[in-house]
Amino acid sequence: MVLADELRLAGLTILECRNADEAFDLLKAGAHFDLLLTDVHMPGRCNGLDLARAVAAQHPDLPVVVTSGDLVPGGADGFHAFLPKPVPPANIVALVTRLLKRDEDSSDDCSP
């Protein structure tokens, strides 16, 4: 909740899910989002790594950020970023903001 509050203070709209199952349900319902930030350990049938893999497979251009206190760097290869815990919320806000800005910049059409 602290991280979600920090992201909101940075001007971002946040959609929080209690578990990976709820996130999957939102995806199936057609919810739109610009980035996925997930912890590996989540309650429910699937964990955050399962969620991240499914989202990355279905939306390969969508930035996916994984965080965990248990995985070592490289344990979440294939995603835009892996953040080992503990990580200060300000570092996550900076990374998310940078990834969203990069996505925004790449969608700009500057051709004449």
PDB file of N, CA and C in Angstrom:
ATOM      1  N   MET A   1       0.823  -1.193   0.000  1.00  0.00           N
ATOM      2  CA  MET A   1       0.000   0.000   0.000  1.00  0.00           C
ATOM      3  C   MET A   1       0.866   1.255   0.000  1.00  0.00           C
ATOM      4  N   VAL A   2       1.996   1.200   0.691  1.00  0.00           N
ATOM      5  CA  VAL A   2       2.892   2.350   0.713  1.00  0.00           C
ATOM      6  C   VAL A   2       3.403   2.640  -0.695  1.00  0.00           C
ATOM      7  N   LEU A   3       3.796   1.597  -1.407  1.00  0.00           N
ATOM      8  CA  LEU A   3       4.296   1.775  -2.766  1.00  0.00           C
ATOM      9  C   LEU A   3       3.203   2.331  -3.678  1.00  0.00           C
ATOM     10  N   ALA A   4       2.000   1.815  -3.571  1.00  0.00           N
ATOM     11  CA  ALA A   4       0.891   2.321  -4.387  1.00  0.00           C
ATOM     12  C   ALA A   4       0.663   3.799  -4.102  1.00  0.00           C
ATOM     13  N   ASP A   5       0.742   4.193  -2.838  1.00  0.00           N
ATOM     14  CA  ASP A   5       0.589   5.604  -2.489  1.00  0.00           C
ATOM     15  C   ASP A   5       1.706   6.449  -3.096  1.00  0.00           C
ATOM     16  N   GLU A   6       2.935   5.942  -3.061  1.00  0.00           N
ATOM     17  CA  GLU A   6       4.068   6.669  -3.645  1.00  0.00           C
ATOM     18  C   GLU A   6       3.881   6.838  -5.159  1.00  0.00           C
ATOM     19  N   LEU A   7       3.410   5.795  -5.817  1.00  0.00           N
ATOM     20  CA  LEU A   7       3.177   5.867  -7.261  1.00  0.00           C
ATOM     21  C   LEU A   7       2.058   6.855  -7.581  1.00  0.00           C
ATOM     22  N   ARG A   8       1.031   6.871  -6.757  1.00  0.00           N
ATOM     23  CA  ARG A   8      -0.059   7.841  -6.960  1.00  0.00           C
ATOM     24  C   ARG A   8       0.445   9.270  -6.763  1.00  0.00           C
ATOM     25  N   LEU A   9       1.286   9.467  -5.744  1.00  0.00           N
ATOM     26  CA  LEU A   9       1.854  10.797  -5.509  1.00  0.00           C
ATOM     27  C   LEU A   9       2.707  11.259  -6.690  1.00  0.00           C
ATOM     28  N   ALA A  10       3.249  10.301  -7.445  1.00  0.00           N
ATOM     29  CA  ALA A  10       4.039  10.633  -8.636  1.00  0.00           C
ATOM     30  C   ALA A  10       3.143  10.923  -9.840  1.00  0.00           C
ATOM     31  N   GLY A  11       1.822  10.871  -9.632  1.00  0.00           N
ATOM     32  CA  GLY A  11       0.888  11.209 -10.700  1.00  0.00           C
ATOM     33  C   GLY A  11       0.421  10.028 -11.527  1.00  0.00           C
ATOM     34  N   LEU A  12       0.698   8.825 -11.067  1.00  0.00           N
ATOM     35  CA  LEU A  12       0.310   7.631 -11.821  1.00  0.00           C
ATOM     36  C   LEU A  12      -1.027   7.091 -11.329  1.00  0.00           C
ATOM     37  N   THR A  13      -1.774   6.497 -12.231  1.00  0.00           N
ATOM     38  CA  THR A  13      -3.015   5.822 -11.883  1.00  0.00           C
ATOM     39  C   THR A  13      -2.670   4.367 -11.609  1.00  0.00           C
ATOM     40  N   ILE A  14      -3.072   3.875 -10.462  1.00  0.00           N
ATOM     41  CA  ILE A  14      -2.688   2.540 -10.008  1.00  0.00           C
ATOM     42  C   ILE A  14      -3.919   1.657  -9.893  1.00  0.00           C
ATOM     43  N   LEU A  15      -3.797   0.449 -10.382  1.00  0.00           N
ATOM     44  CA  LEU A  15      -4.829  -0.566 -10.234  1.00  0.00           C
ATOM     45  C   LEU A  15      -4.205  -1.690  -9.424  1.00  0.00           C
ATOM     46  N   GLU A  16      -4.691  -1.884  -8.206  1.00  0.00           N
ATOM     47  CA  GLU A  16      -4.127  -2.898  -7.320  1.00  0.00           C
ATOM     48  C   GLU A  16      -4.978  -4.163  -7.343  1.00  0.00           C
ATOM     49  N   CYS A  17      -4.302  -5.297  -7.276  1.00  0.00           N
ATOM     50  CA  CYS A  17      -4.981  -6.588  -7.197  1.00  0.00           C
ATOM     51  C   CYS A  17      -4.515  -7.311  -5.937  1.00  0.00           C
ATOM     52  N   ARG A  18      -5.437  -8.021  -5.316  1.00  0.00           N
ATOM     53  CA  ARG A  18      -5.104  -8.763  -4.095  1.00  0.00           C
ATOM     54  C   ARG A  18      -4.228  -9.973  -4.380  1.00  0.00           C
ATOM     55  N   ASN A  19      -4.356 -10.510  -5.596  1.00  0.00           N
ATOM     56  CA  ASN A  19      -3.605 -11.715  -5.933  1.00  0.00           C
ATOM     57  C   ASN A  19      -3.511 -11.835  -7.459  1.00  0.00           C
ATOM     58  N   ALA A  20      -2.736 -12.796  -7.906  1.00  0.00           N
ATOM     59  CA  ALA A  20      -2.547 -12.993  -9.345  1.00  0.00           C
ATOM     60  C   ALA A  20      -3.848 -13.396 -10.031  1.00  0.00           C
ATOM     61  N   ASP A  21      -4.678 -14.168  -9.348  1.00  0.00           N
ATOM     62  CA  ASP A  21      -5.956 -14.587  -9.930  1.00  0.00           C
ATOM     63  C   ASP A  21      -6.822 -13.372 -10.278  1.00  0.00           C
ATOM     64  N   GLU A  22      -6.876 -12.400  -9.381  1.00  0.00           N
ATOM     65  CA  GLU A  22      -7.648 -11.186  -9.636  1.00  0.00           C
ATOM     66  C   GLU A  22      -7.057 -10.416 -10.822  1.00  0.00           C
ATOM     67  N   ALA A  23      -5.754 -10.381 -10.916  1.00  0.00           N
ATOM     68  CA  ALA A  23      -5.109  -9.706 -12.052  1.00  0.00           C
ATOM     69  C   ALA A  23      -5.447 -10.419 -13.361  1.00  0.00           C
ATOM     70  N   PHE A  24      -5.407 -11.754 -13.348  1.00  0.00           N
ATOM     71  CA  PHE A  24      -5.786 -12.517 -14.543  1.00  0.00           C
ATOM     72  C   PHE A  24      -7.229 -12.216 -14.937  1.00  0.00           C
ATOM     73  N   ASP A  25      -8.122 -12.135 -13.959  1.00  0.00           N
ATOM     74  CA  ASP A  25      -9.527 -11.836 -14.240  1.00  0.00           C
ATOM     75  C   ASP A  25      -9.681 -10.470 -14.902  1.00  0.00           C
ATOM     76  N   LEU A  26      -8.923  -9.479 -14.415  1.00  0.00           N
ATOM     77  CA  LEU A  26      -8.976  -8.150 -15.017  1.00  0.00           C
ATOM     78  C   LEU A  26      -8.486  -8.179 -16.456  1.00  0.00           C
ATOM     79  N   LEU A  27      -7.419  -8.927 -16.695  1.00  0.00           N
ATOM     80  CA  LEU A  27      -6.896  -9.050 -18.061  1.00  0.00           C
ATOM     81  C   LEU A  27      -7.921  -9.693 -18.987  1.00  0.00           C
ATOM     82  N   LYS A  28      -8.542 -10.750 -18.505  1.00  0.00           N
ATOM     83  CA  LYS A  28      -9.550 -11.437 -19.308  1.00  0.00           C
ATOM     84  C   LYS A  28     -10.746 -10.532 -19.602  1.00  0.00           C
ATOM     85  N   ALA A  29     -11.031  -9.621 -18.665  1.00  0.00           N
ATOM     86  CA  ALA A  29     -12.157  -8.700 -18.840  1.00  0.00           C
ATOM     87  C   ALA A  29     -11.798  -7.530 -19.748  1.00  0.00           C
ATOM     88  N   GLY A  30     -10.544  -7.459 -20.177  1.00  0.00           N
ATOM     89  CA  GLY A  30     -10.134  -6.418 -21.110  1.00  0.00           C
ATOM     90  C   GLY A  30      -9.590  -5.157 -20.471  1.00  0.00           C
ATOM     91  N   ALA A  31      -9.193  -5.224 -19.213  1.00  0.00           N
ATOM     92  CA  ALA A  31      -8.627  -4.040 -18.558  1.00  0.00           C
ATOM     93  C   ALA A  31      -7.362  -3.598 -19.289  1.00  0.00           C
ATOM     94  N   HIS A  32      -7.195  -2.290 -19.432  1.00  0.00           N
ATOM     95  CA  HIS A  32      -6.015  -1.728 -20.094  1.00  0.00           C
ATOM     96  C   HIS A  32      -5.051  -1.213 -19.034  1.00  0.00           C
ATOM     97  N   PHE A  33      -3.784  -1.496 -19.229  1.00  0.00           N
ATOM     98  CA  PHE A  33      -2.769  -0.952 -18.352  1.00  0.00           C
ATOM     99  C   PHE A  33      -1.494  -0.753 -19.150  1.00  0.00           C
ATOM    100  N   ASP A  34      -0.616   0.102 -18.631  1.00  0.00           N
ATOM    101  CA  ASP A  34       0.600   0.478 -19.347  1.00  0.00           C
ATOM    102  C   ASP A  34       1.851  -0.204 -18.826  1.00  0.00           C
ATOM    103  N   LEU A  35       1.759  -0.843 -17.656  1.00  0.00           N
ATOM    104  CA  LEU A  35       2.916  -1.498 -17.048  1.00  0.00           C
ATOM    105  C   LEU A  35       2.410  -2.453 -15.997  1.00  0.00           C
ATOM    106  N   LEU A  36       3.104  -3.568 -15.836  1.00  0.00           N
ATOM    107  CA  LEU A  36       2.791  -4.512 -14.763  1.00  0.00           C
ATOM    108  C   LEU A  36       3.945  -4.504 -13.777  1.00  0.00           C
ATOM    109  N   LEU A  37       3.622  -4.288 -12.516  1.00  0.00           N
ATOM    110  CA  LEU A  37       4.582  -4.393 -11.425  1.00  0.00           C
ATOM    111  C   LEU A  37       4.048  -5.462 -10.495  1.00  0.00           C
ATOM    112  N   THR A  38       4.816  -6.525 -10.293  1.00  0.00           N
ATOM    113  CA  THR A  38       4.333  -7.625  -9.470  1.00  0.00           C
ATOM    114  C   THR A  38       5.424  -8.158  -8.564  1.00  0.00           C
ATOM    115  N   ASP A  39       5.013  -8.586  -7.405  1.00  0.00           N
ATOM    116  CA  ASP A  39       5.885  -9.318  -6.492  1.00  0.00           C
ATOM    117  C   ASP A  39       5.744 -10.785  -6.856  1.00  0.00           C
ATOM    118  N   VAL A  40       6.791 -11.553  -6.659  1.00  0.00           N
ATOM    119  CA  VAL A  40       6.717 -12.984  -6.966  1.00  0.00           C
ATOM    120  C   VAL A  40       5.738 -13.676  -6.030  1.00  0.00           C
ATOM    121  N   HIS A  41       5.806 -13.365  -4.744  1.00  0.00           N
ATOM    122  CA  HIS A  41       4.953 -14.050  -3.769  1.00  0.00           C
ATOM    123  C   HIS A  41       3.616 -13.347  -3.650  1.00  0.00           C
ATOM    124  N   MET A  42       2.600 -14.037  -4.147  1.00  0.00           N
ATOM    125  CA  MET A  42       1.229 -13.543  -4.078  1.00  0.00           C
ATOM    126  C   MET A  42       0.333 -14.713  -3.700  1.00  0.00           C
ATOM    127  N   PRO A  43      -0.735 -14.447  -2.975  1.00  0.00           N
ATOM    128  CA  PRO A  43      -1.669 -15.534  -2.669  1.00  0.00           C
ATOM    129  C   PRO A  43      -2.445 -15.940  -3.913  1.00  0.00           C
ATOM    130  N   GLY A  44      -3.042 -17.106  -3.863  1.00  0.00           N
ATOM    131  CA  GLY A  44      -3.864 -17.567  -4.982  1.00  0.00           C
ATOM    132  C   GLY A  44      -3.245 -18.753  -5.697  1.00  0.00           C
ATOM    133  N   ARG A  45      -3.903 -19.165  -6.783  1.00  0.00           N
ATOM    134  CA  ARG A  45      -3.438 -20.314  -7.572  1.00  0.00           C
ATOM    135  C   ARG A  45      -2.079 -20.074  -8.188  1.00  0.00           C
ATOM    136  N   CYS A  46      -1.856 -18.867  -8.667  1.00  0.00           N
ATOM    137  CA  CYS A  46      -0.632 -18.520  -9.384  1.00  0.00           C
ATOM    138  C   CYS A  46       0.146 -17.490  -8.581  1.00  0.00           C
ATOM    139  N   ASN A  47       1.443 -17.468  -8.812  1.00  0.00           N
ATOM    140  CA  ASN A  47       2.247 -16.438  -8.156  1.00  0.00           C
ATOM    141  C   ASN A  47       2.516 -15.293  -9.130  1.00  0.00           C
ATOM    142  N   GLY A  48       3.222 -14.297  -8.676  1.00  0.00           N
ATOM    143  CA  GLY A  48       3.501 -13.128  -9.491  1.00  0.00           C
ATOM    144  C   GLY A  48       4.380 -13.423 -10.691  1.00  0.00           C
ATOM    145  N   LEU A  49       5.251 -14.426 -10.571  1.00  0.00           N
ATOM    146  CA  LEU A  49       6.095 -14.803 -11.702  1.00  0.00           C
ATOM    147  C   LEU A  49       5.250 -15.441 -12.805  1.00  0.00           C
ATOM    148  N   ASP A  50       4.281 -16.263 -12.421  1.00  0.00           N
ATOM    149  CA  ASP A  50       3.349 -16.835 -13.407  1.00  0.00           C
ATOM    150  C   ASP A  50       2.576 -15.719 -14.113  1.00  0.00           C
ATOM    151  N   LEU A  51       2.125 -14.752 -13.330  1.00  0.00           N
ATOM    152  CA  LEU A  51       1.401 -13.616 -13.891  1.00  0.00           C
ATOM    153  C   LEU A  51       2.287 -12.843 -14.858  1.00  0.00           C
ATOM    154  N   ALA A  52       3.504 -12.548 -14.447  1.00  0.00           N
ATOM    155  CA  ALA A  52       4.431 -11.781 -15.291  1.00  0.00           C
ATOM    156  C   ALA A  52       4.720 -12.511 -16.599  1.00  0.00           C
ATOM    157  N   ARG A  53       4.928 -13.814 -16.524  1.00  0.00           N
ATOM    158  CA  ARG A  53       5.194 -14.586 -17.742  1.00  0.00           C
ATOM    159  C   ARG A  53       3.999 -14.560 -18.692  1.00  0.00           C
ATOM    160  N   ALA A  54       2.802 -14.721 -18.145  1.00  0.00           N
ATOM    161  CA  ALA A  54       1.598 -14.722 -18.983  1.00  0.00           C
ATOM    162  C   ALA A  54       1.382 -13.356 -19.628  1.00  0.00           C
ATOM    163  N   VAL A  55       1.567 -12.302 -18.855  1.00  0.00           N
ATOM    164  CA  VAL A  55       1.377 -10.953 -19.397  1.00  0.00           C
ATOM    165  C   VAL A  55       2.433 -10.664 -20.457  1.00  0.00           C
ATOM    166  N   ALA A  56       3.685 -11.033 -20.192  1.00  0.00           N
ATOM    167  CA  ALA A  56       4.760 -10.792 -21.163  1.00  0.00           C
ATOM    168  C   ALA A  56       4.510 -11.557 -22.455  1.00  0.00           C
ATOM    169  N   ALA A  57       3.949 -12.758 -22.353  1.00  0.00           N
ATOM    170  CA  ALA A  57       3.669 -13.550 -23.548  1.00  0.00           C
ATOM    171  C   ALA A  57       2.521 -12.948 -24.363  1.00  0.00           C
ATOM    172  N   GLN A  58       1.504 -12.449 -23.679  1.00  0.00           N
ATOM    173  CA  GLN A  58       0.333 -11.895 -24.358  1.00  0.00           C
ATOM    174  C   GLN A  58       0.549 -10.459 -24.825  1.00  0.00           C
ATOM    175  N   HIS A  59       1.415  -9.738 -24.120  1.00  0.00           N
ATOM    176  CA  HIS A  59       1.649  -8.316 -24.411  1.00  0.00           C
ATOM    177  C   HIS A  59       3.154  -8.055 -24.401  1.00  0.00           C
ATOM    178  N   PRO A  60       3.870  -8.504 -25.426  1.00  0.00           N
ATOM    179  CA  PRO A  60       5.334  -8.430 -25.407  1.00  0.00           C
ATOM    180  C   PRO A  60       5.907  -7.015 -25.341  1.00  0.00           C
ATOM    181  N   ASP A  61       5.143  -6.008 -25.711  1.00  0.00           N
ATOM    182  CA  ASP A  61       5.638  -4.632 -25.650  1.00  0.00           C
ATOM    183  C   ASP A  61       5.351  -3.958 -24.311  1.00  0.00           C
ATOM    184  N   LEU A  62       4.585  -4.607 -23.469  1.00  0.00           N
ATOM    185  CA  LEU A  62       4.218  -4.026 -22.183  1.00  0.00           C
ATOM    186  C   LEU A  62       5.366  -4.189 -21.190  1.00  0.00           C
ATOM    187  N   PRO A  63       5.802  -3.101 -20.554  1.00  0.00           N
ATOM    188  CA  PRO A  63       6.854  -3.237 -19.539  1.00  0.00           C
ATOM    189  C   PRO A  63       6.374  -4.085 -18.365  1.00  0.00           C
ATOM    190  N   VAL A  64       7.198  -5.055 -17.974  1.00  0.00           N
ATOM    191  CA  VAL A  64       6.905  -5.931 -16.843  1.00  0.00           C
ATOM    192  C   VAL A  64       8.061  -5.814 -15.863  1.00  0.00           C
ATOM    193  N   VAL A  65       7.726  -5.460 -14.616  1.00  0.00           N
ATOM    194  CA  VAL A  65       8.713  -5.318 -13.552  1.00  0.00           C
ATOM    195  C   VAL A  65       8.368  -6.320 -12.459  1.00  0.00           C
ATOM    196  N   VAL A  66       9.356  -7.117 -12.070  1.00  0.00           N
ATOM    197  CA  VAL A  66       9.180  -8.150 -11.056  1.00  0.00           C
ATOM    198  C   VAL A  66      10.052  -7.803  -9.858  1.00  0.00           C
ATOM    199  N   THR A  67       9.506  -7.999  -8.669  1.00  0.00           N
ATOM    200  CA  THR A  67      10.269  -7.787  -7.453  1.00  0.00           C
ATOM    201  C   THR A  67      10.125  -9.000  -6.542  1.00  0.00           C
ATOM    202  N   SER A  68      11.170  -9.264  -5.762  1.00  0.00           N
ATOM    203  CA  SER A  68      11.135 -10.397  -4.844  1.00  0.00           C
ATOM    204  C   SER A  68      12.271 -10.290  -3.839  1.00  0.00           C
ATOM    205  N   GLY A  69      12.027 -10.829  -2.682  1.00  0.00           N
ATOM    206  CA  GLY A  69      13.078 -10.935  -1.682  1.00  0.00           C
ATOM    207  C   GLY A  69      13.772 -12.272  -1.737  1.00  0.00           C
ATOM    208  N   ASP A  70      13.261 -13.183  -2.568  1.00  0.00           N
ATOM    209  CA  ASP A  70      13.804 -14.538  -2.623  1.00  0.00           C
ATOM    210  C   ASP A  70      14.590 -14.848  -3.883  1.00  0.00           C
ATOM    211  N   LEU A  71      14.201 -14.265  -5.007  1.00  0.00           N
ATOM    212  CA  LEU A  71      14.894 -14.557  -6.256  1.00  0.00           C
ATOM    213  C   LEU A  71      16.203 -13.788  -6.326  1.00  0.00           C
ATOM    214  N   VAL A  72      17.152 -14.376  -6.964  1.00  0.00           N
ATOM    215  CA  VAL A  72      18.407 -13.680  -7.207  1.00  0.00           C
ATOM    216  C   VAL A  72      18.318 -13.012  -8.573  1.00  0.00           C
ATOM    217  N   PRO A  73      19.107 -11.969  -8.805  1.00  0.00           N
ATOM    218  CA  PRO A  73      19.098 -11.378 -10.142  1.00  0.00           C
ATOM    219  C   PRO A  73      19.316 -12.460 -11.197  1.00  0.00           C
ATOM    220  N   GLY A  74      18.541 -12.413 -12.238  1.00  0.00           N
ATOM    221  CA  GLY A  74      18.578 -13.449 -13.265  1.00  0.00           C
ATOM    222  C   GLY A  74      17.437 -14.436 -13.086  1.00  0.00           C
ATOM    223  N   GLY A  75      16.849 -14.461 -11.888  1.00  0.00           N
ATOM    224  CA  GLY A  75      15.734 -15.370 -11.629  1.00  0.00           C
ATOM    225  C   GLY A  75      14.457 -14.923 -12.296  1.00  0.00           C
ATOM    226  N   ALA A  76      14.451 -13.699 -12.788  1.00  0.00           N
ATOM    227  CA  ALA A  76      13.276 -13.177 -13.478  1.00  0.00           C
ATOM    228  C   ALA A  76      13.691 -12.641 -14.840  1.00  0.00           C
ATOM    229  N   ASP A  77      14.603 -13.354 -15.496  1.00  0.00           N
ATOM    230  CA  ASP A  77      15.052 -12.940 -16.824  1.00  0.00           C
ATOM    231  C   ASP A  77      13.880 -12.898 -17.797  1.00  0.00           C
ATOM    232  N   GLY A  78      13.982 -12.008 -18.754  1.00  0.00           N
ATOM    233  CA  GLY A  78      12.956 -11.907 -19.778  1.00  0.00           C
ATOM    234  C   GLY A  78      11.981 -10.777 -19.533  1.00  0.00           C
ATOM    235  N   PHE A  79      12.132 -10.085 -18.417  1.00  0.00           N
ATOM    236  CA  PHE A  79      11.253  -8.966 -18.111  1.00  0.00           C
ATOM    237  C   PHE A  79      12.049  -7.669 -18.221  1.00  0.00           C
ATOM    238  N   HIS A  80      11.368  -6.549 -18.187  1.00  0.00           N
ATOM    239  CA  HIS A  80      12.038  -5.261 -18.327  1.00  0.00           C
ATOM    240  C   HIS A  80      12.948  -4.958 -17.147  1.00  0.00           C
ATOM    241  N   ALA A  81      12.552  -5.421 -15.966  1.00  0.00           N
ATOM    242  CA  ALA A  81      13.381  -5.160 -14.796  1.00  0.00           C
ATOM    243  C   ALA A  81      13.070  -6.163 -13.696  1.00  0.00           C
ATOM    244  N   PHE A  82      14.089  -6.455 -12.907  1.00  0.00           N
ATOM    245  CA  PHE A  82      13.940  -7.244 -11.690  1.00  0.00           C
ATOM    246  C   PHE A  82      14.516  -6.417 -10.556  1.00  0.00           C
ATOM    247  N   LEU A  83      13.743  -6.247  -9.492  1.00  0.00           N
ATOM    248  CA  LEU A  83      14.178  -5.474  -8.344  1.00  0.00           C
ATOM    249  C   LEU A  83      14.234  -6.379  -7.118  1.00  0.00           C
ATOM    250  N   PRO A  84      15.436  -6.683  -6.632  1.00  0.00           N
ATOM    251  CA  PRO A  84      15.529  -7.496  -5.418  1.00  0.00           C
ATOM    252  C   PRO A  84      15.126  -6.667  -4.206  1.00  0.00           C
ATOM    253  N   LYS A  85      14.339  -7.262  -3.335  1.00  0.00           N
ATOM    254  CA  LYS A  85      13.917  -6.579  -2.108  1.00  0.00           C
ATOM    255  C   LYS A  85      15.027  -6.691  -1.067  1.00  0.00           C
ATOM    256  N   PRO A  86      15.124  -5.754  -0.181  1.00  0.00           N
ATOM    257  CA  PRO A  86      14.295  -4.557  -0.090  1.00  0.00           C
ATOM    258  C   PRO A  86      14.748  -3.508  -1.095  1.00  0.00           C
ATOM    259  N   VAL A  87      13.801  -2.789  -1.619  1.00  0.00           N
ATOM    260  CA  VAL A  87      14.088  -1.705  -2.558  1.00  0.00           C
ATOM    261  C   VAL A  87      13.284  -0.488  -2.107  1.00  0.00           C
ATOM    262  N   PRO A  88      13.938   0.658  -2.000  1.00  0.00           N
ATOM    263  CA  PRO A  88      13.206   1.851  -1.573  1.00  0.00           C
ATOM    264  C   PRO A  88      12.097   2.199  -2.573  1.00  0.00           C
ATOM    265  N   PRO A  89      10.924   2.582  -2.073  1.00  0.00           N
ATOM    266  CA  PRO A  89       9.831   2.949  -2.973  1.00  0.00           C
ATOM    267  C   PRO A  89      10.239   4.011  -4.001  1.00  0.00           C
ATOM    268  N   ALA A  90      11.103   4.940  -3.616  1.00  0.00           N
ATOM    269  CA  ALA A  90      11.527   5.983  -4.555  1.00  0.00           C
ATOM    270  C   ALA A  90      12.239   5.383  -5.765  1.00  0.00           C
ATOM    271  N   ASN A  91      12.985   4.298  -5.566  1.00  0.00           N
ATOM    272  CA  ASN A  91      13.668   3.640  -6.686  1.00  0.00           C
ATOM    273  C   ASN A  91      12.655   2.993  -7.633  1.00  0.00           C
ATOM    274  N   ILE A  92      11.611   2.421  -7.075  1.00  0.00           N
ATOM    275  CA  ILE A  92      10.576   1.802  -7.908  1.00  0.00           C
ATOM    276  C   ILE A  92       9.827   2.883  -8.683  1.00  0.00           C
ATOM    277  N   VAL A  93       9.494   3.974  -8.006  1.00  0.00           N
ATOM    278  CA  VAL A  93       8.801   5.083  -8.674  1.00  0.00           C
ATOM    279  C   VAL A  93       9.648   5.595  -9.834  1.00  0.00           C
ATOM    280  N   ALA A  94      10.944   5.768  -9.606  1.00  0.00           N
ATOM    281  CA  ALA A  94      11.829   6.267 -10.668  1.00  0.00           C
ATOM    282  C   ALA A  94      11.874   5.295 -11.848  1.00  0.00           C
ATOM    283  N   LEU A  95      11.971   4.003 -11.569  1.00  0.00           N
ATOM    284  CA  LEU A  95      12.016   3.003 -12.636  1.00  0.00           C
ATOM    285  C   LEU A  95      10.702   2.972 -13.416  1.00  0.00           C
ATOM    286  N   VAL A  96       9.595   2.929 -12.718  1.00  0.00           N
ATOM    287  CA  VAL A  96       8.285   2.880 -13.374  1.00  0.00           C
ATOM    288  C   VAL A  96       8.092   4.123 -14.235  1.00  0.00           C
ATOM    289  N   THR A  97       8.421   5.270 -13.692  1.00  0.00           N
ATOM    290  CA  THR A  97       8.287   6.517 -14.443  1.00  0.00           C
ATOM    291  C   THR A  97       9.151   6.489 -15.697  1.00  0.00           C
ATOM    292  N   ARG A  98      10.379   6.005 -15.567  1.00  0.00           N
ATOM    293  CA  ARG A  98      11.284   5.930 -16.718  1.00  0.00           C
ATOM    294  C   ARG A  98      10.749   4.958 -17.775  1.00  0.00           C
ATOM    295  N   LEU A  99      10.266   3.797 -17.355  1.00  0.00           N
ATOM    296  CA  LEU A  99       9.723   2.825 -18.310  1.00  0.00           C
ATOM    297  C   LEU A  99       8.486   3.359 -19.020  1.00  0.00           C
ATOM    298  N   LEU A 100       7.626   4.042 -18.299  1.00  0.00           N
ATOM    299  CA  LEU A 100       6.430   4.603 -18.919  1.00  0.00           C
ATOM    300  C   LEU A 100       6.786   5.734 -19.863  1.00  0.00           C
ATOM    301  N   LYS A 101       7.770   6.524 -19.524  1.00  0.00           N
ATOM    302  CA  LYS A 101       8.220   7.614 -20.392  1.00  0.00           C
ATOM    303  C   LYS A 101       8.826   7.049 -21.664  1.00  0.00           C
ATOM    304  N   ARG A 102       9.629   5.992 -21.542  1.00  0.00           N
ATOM    305  CA  ARG A 102      10.242   5.353 -22.717  1.00  0.00           C
ATOM    306  C   ARG A 102       9.159   4.828 -23.640  1.00  0.00           C
ATOM    307  N   ASP A 103       8.126   4.208 -23.069  1.00  0.00           N
ATOM    308  CA  ASP A 103       7.022   3.678 -23.868  1.00  0.00           C
ATOM    309  C   ASP A 103       6.283   4.822 -24.564  1.00  0.00           C
ATOM    310  N   GLU A 104       6.100   5.915 -23.847  1.00  0.00           N
ATOM    311  CA  GLU A 104       5.430   7.089 -24.419  1.00  0.00           C
ATOM    312  C   GLU A 104       6.248   7.675 -25.551  1.00  0.00           C
ATOM    313  N   ASP A 105       7.569   7.773 -25.357  1.00  0.00           N
ATOM    314  CA  ASP A 105       8.452   8.323 -26.394  1.00  0.00           C
ATOM    315  C   ASP A 105       8.472   7.456 -27.639  1.00  0.00           C
ATOM    316  N   SER A 106       8.447   6.138 -27.468  1.00  0.00           N
ATOM    317  CA  SER A 106       8.519   5.250 -28.624  1.00  0.00           C
ATOM    318  C   SER A 106       7.234   5.251 -29.430  1.00  0.00           C
ATOM    319  N   SER A 107       6.136   5.697 -28.816  1.00  0.00           N
ATOM    320  CA  SER A 107       4.863   5.729 -29.548  1.00  0.00           C
ATOM    321  C   SER A 107       4.665   7.052 -30.282  1.00  0.00           C
ATOM    322  N   ASP A 108       5.517   8.016 -30.002  1.00  0.00           N
ATOM    323  CA  ASP A 108       5.405   9.299 -30.711  1.00  0.00           C
ATOM    324  C   ASP A 108       5.853   9.129 -32.149  1.00  0.00           C
ATOM    325  N   ASP A 109       5.058   9.652 -33.065  1.00  0.00           N
ATOM    326  CA  ASP A 109       5.430   9.587 -34.482  1.00  0.00           C
ATOM    327  C   ASP A 109       5.957  10.956 -34.868  1.00  0.00           C
ATOM    328  N   CYS A 110       7.253  11.046 -35.072  1.00  0.00           N
ATOM    329  CA  CYS A 110       7.881  12.324 -35.388  1.00  0.00           C
ATOM    330  C   CYS A 110       8.160  12.476 -36.871  1.00  0.00           C
ATOM    331  N   SER A 111       7.676  11.574 -37.675  1.00  0.00           N
ATOM    332  CA  SER A 111       7.949  11.676 -39.108  1.00  0.00           C
ATOM    333  C   SER A 111       7.087  12.771 -39.723  1.00  0.00           C
ATOM    334  N   PRO A 112       7.606  13.425 -40.782  1.00  0.00           N
ATOM    335  CA  PRO A 112       6.841  14.511 -41.429  1.00  0.00           C
ATOM    336  C   PRO A 112       5.620  13.993 -42.163  1.00  0.00           C
TER     337      PRO A 112
END
